[in-house]
C-alpha atoms as a PDB file:
ATOM      1  CA  MET A   1     132.269 108.230  93.953  1.00  0.00           C
ATOM      2  CA  ILE A   2     135.026 108.613  96.554  1.00  0.00           C
ATOM      3  CA  LYS A   3     134.607 106.991  99.903  1.00  0.00           C
ATOM      4  CA  ALA A   4     136.753 108.157 102.827  1.00  0.00           C
ATOM      5  CA  PHE A   5     137.109 106.121 106.005  1.00  0.00           C
ATOM      6  CA  GLY A   6     138.092 107.365 109.447  1.00  0.00           C
ATOM      7  CA  ASP A   7     141.376 105.438 109.391  1.00  0.00           C
ATOM      8  CA  GLY A   8     142.604 107.482 106.410  1.00  0.00           C
ATOM      9  CA  ARG A   9     141.817 104.940 103.686  1.00  0.00           C
ATOM     10  CA  VAL A  10     140.202 106.457 100.580  1.00  0.00           C
ATOM     11  CA  PHE A  11     138.499 104.358  97.891  1.00  0.00           C
ATOM     12  CA  GLU A  12     137.149 105.448  94.586  1.00  0.00           C
ATOM     13  CA  THR A  13     134.208 103.328  93.421  1.00  0.00           C
ATOM     14  CA  GLU A  14     132.537 103.341  90.097  1.00  0.00           C
ATOM     15  CA  ILE A  15     128.756 103.916  89.998  1.00  0.00           C
ATOM     16  CA  THR A  16     127.094 102.864  86.788  1.00  0.00           C
ATOM     17  CA  GLY A  17     124.216 104.753  85.286  1.00  0.00           C
ATOM     18  CA  ASP A  18     121.846 101.927  86.293  1.00  0.00           C
ATOM     19  CA  ASP A  19     123.011 102.164  89.941  1.00  0.00           C
ATOM     20  CA  GLU A  20     122.378 105.910  89.873  1.00  0.00           C
ATOM     21  CA  ILE A  21     118.913 105.549  88.287  1.00  0.00           C
ATOM     22  CA  GLU A  22     117.939 102.953  90.922  1.00  0.00           C
ATOM     23  CA  ALA A  23     119.381 104.880  93.847  1.00  0.00           C
ATOM     24  CA  LEU A  24     117.557 108.096  92.798  1.00  0.00           C
ATOM     25  CA  GLY A  25     114.298 106.238  92.011  1.00  0.00           C
ATOM     26  CA  LEU A  26     114.155 107.799  88.535  1.00  0.00           C
ATOM     27  CA  MET A  27     111.212 106.996  86.241  1.00  0.00           C
ATOM     28  CA  PRO A  28     111.959 105.678  82.757  1.00  0.00           C
ATOM     29  CA  TRP A  29     111.559 109.057  81.167  1.00  0.00           C
ATOM     30  CA  MET A  30     113.829 110.895  83.613  1.00  0.00           C
ATOM     31  CA  SER A  31     117.512 111.467  82.854  1.00  0.00           C
ATOM     32  CA  PRO A  32     120.144 110.905  85.530  1.00  0.00           C
ATOM     33  CA  PRO A  33     121.935 114.067  86.687  1.00  0.00           C
ATOM     34  CA  CYS A  34     125.311 112.864  85.329  1.00  0.00           C
ATOM     35  CA  TYR A  35     126.486 110.273  82.883  1.00  0.00           C
ATOM     36  CA  PRO A  36     129.154 107.559  83.496  1.00  0.00           C
ATOM     37  CA  ASN A  37     131.281 108.889  80.605  1.00  0.00           C
ATOM     38  CA  MET A  38     131.164 111.577  77.971  1.00  0.00           C
ATOM     39  CA  SER A  39     130.369 109.183  75.104  1.00  0.00           C
ATOM     40  CA  ALA A  40     127.077 108.391  76.850  1.00  0.00           C
ATOM     41  CA  LEU A  41     125.931 111.921  75.993  1.00  0.00           C
ATOM     42  CA  ASP A  42     125.618 110.850  72.331  1.00  0.00           C
ATOM     43  CA  GLN A  43     123.324 107.939  73.248  1.00  0.00           C
ATOM     44  CA  PRO A  44     119.543 108.234  73.891  1.00  0.00           C
ATOM     45  CA  TYR A  45     118.651 107.599  77.522  1.00  0.00           C
ATOM     46  CA  GLY A  46     116.754 104.507  78.370  1.00  0.00           C
ATOM     47  CA  ASP A  47     115.264 101.936  76.064  1.00  0.00           C
ATOM     48  CA  PRO A  48     113.788 103.631  72.959  1.00  0.00           C
ATOM     49  CA  GLY A  49     111.387 100.750  72.518  1.00  0.00           C
ATOM     50  CA  ALA A  50     110.005 101.123  76.035  1.00  0.00           C
ATOM     51  CA  LYS A  51     109.589 104.884  75.512  1.00  0.00           C
ATOM     52  CA  ARG A  52     107.659 104.246  72.289  1.00  0.00           C
ATOM     53  CA  GLU A  53     105.402 101.638  74.021  1.00  0.00           C
ATOM     54  CA  LEU A  54     104.733 104.092  76.877  1.00  0.00           C
ATOM     55  CA  ALA A  55     103.895 106.864  74.421  1.00  0.00           C
ATOM     56  CA  GLN A  56     101.438 104.509  72.632  1.00  0.00           C
ATOM     57  CA  ARG A  57      99.824 103.512  75.909  1.00  0.00           C
ATOM     58  CA  MET A  58      99.465 107.173  76.855  1.00  0.00           C
ATOM     59  CA  ARG A  59      97.734 108.027  73.557  1.00  0.00           C
ATOM     60  CA  ARG A  60      95.360 105.006  73.858  1.00  0.00           C
ATOM     61  CA  ARG A  61      94.377 105.948  77.428  1.00  0.00           C
ATOM     62  CA  GLY A  62      94.300 109.726  76.967  1.00  0.00           C
ATOM     63  CA  VAL A  63      97.081 110.441  79.388  1.00  0.00           C
ATOM     64  CA  SER A  64      98.747 113.867  79.077  1.00  0.00           C
ATOM     65  CA  ARG A  65     102.352 113.903  77.927  1.00  0.00           C
ATOM     66  CA  TRP A  66     103.058 116.236  80.878  1.00  0.00           C
ATOM     67  CA  HIS A  67     101.659 113.911  83.510  1.00  0.00           C
ATOM     68  CA  PRO A  68     104.205 113.460  86.336  1.00  0.00           C
ATOM     69  CA  ASP A  69     103.854 109.648  86.359  1.00  0.00           C
ATOM     70  CA  PRO A  70     102.324 108.584  83.028  1.00  0.00           C
ATOM     71  CA  ALA A  71     102.992 104.877  83.514  1.00  0.00           C
ATOM     72  CA  ARG A  72     100.938 104.827  86.713  1.00  0.00           C
ATOM     73  CA  ALA A  73      98.226 106.902  85.064  1.00  0.00           C
ATOM     74  CA  CYS A  74      98.051 104.406  82.209  1.00  0.00           C
ATOM     75  CA  ASP A  75      97.806 101.519  84.694  1.00  0.00           C
ATOM     76  CA  GLU A  76      95.009 103.268  86.562  1.00  0.00           C
ATOM     77  CA  ALA A  77      93.139 104.012  83.266  1.00  0.00           C
ATOM     78  CA  GLU A  78      93.497 100.370  82.219  1.00  0.00           C
ATOM     79  CA  GLN A  79      92.197  99.195  85.620  1.00  0.00           C
ATOM     80  CA  ARG A  80      89.165 101.486  85.352  1.00  0.00           C
ATOM     81  CA  ARG A  81      88.480 100.244  81.854  1.00  0.00           C
ATOM     82  CA  ALA A  82      88.777  96.595  82.935  1.00  0.00           C
ATOM     83  CA  ALA A  83      86.372  97.231  85.864  1.00  0.00           C
ATOM     84  CA  LYS A  84      83.604  98.352  83.489  1.00  0.00           C
END
């Protein structure tokens, strides 16, 4: 990212993938719009273990794989089950 100041100074700052994910408020299954370097394209996005755990929770709670926020849907399903 390049920052320009009114006095003519220009700075280039590095934004990491984690900074971008946090700034955009991306969910764990969402990919950032750009990668910090080309070698990152060969790597799976996010924590594969966390994705697997989320997929298992979704199956157990009957949450659709196309749900826009499956983690929240799983939490809500678990709360409903606990309330019974």
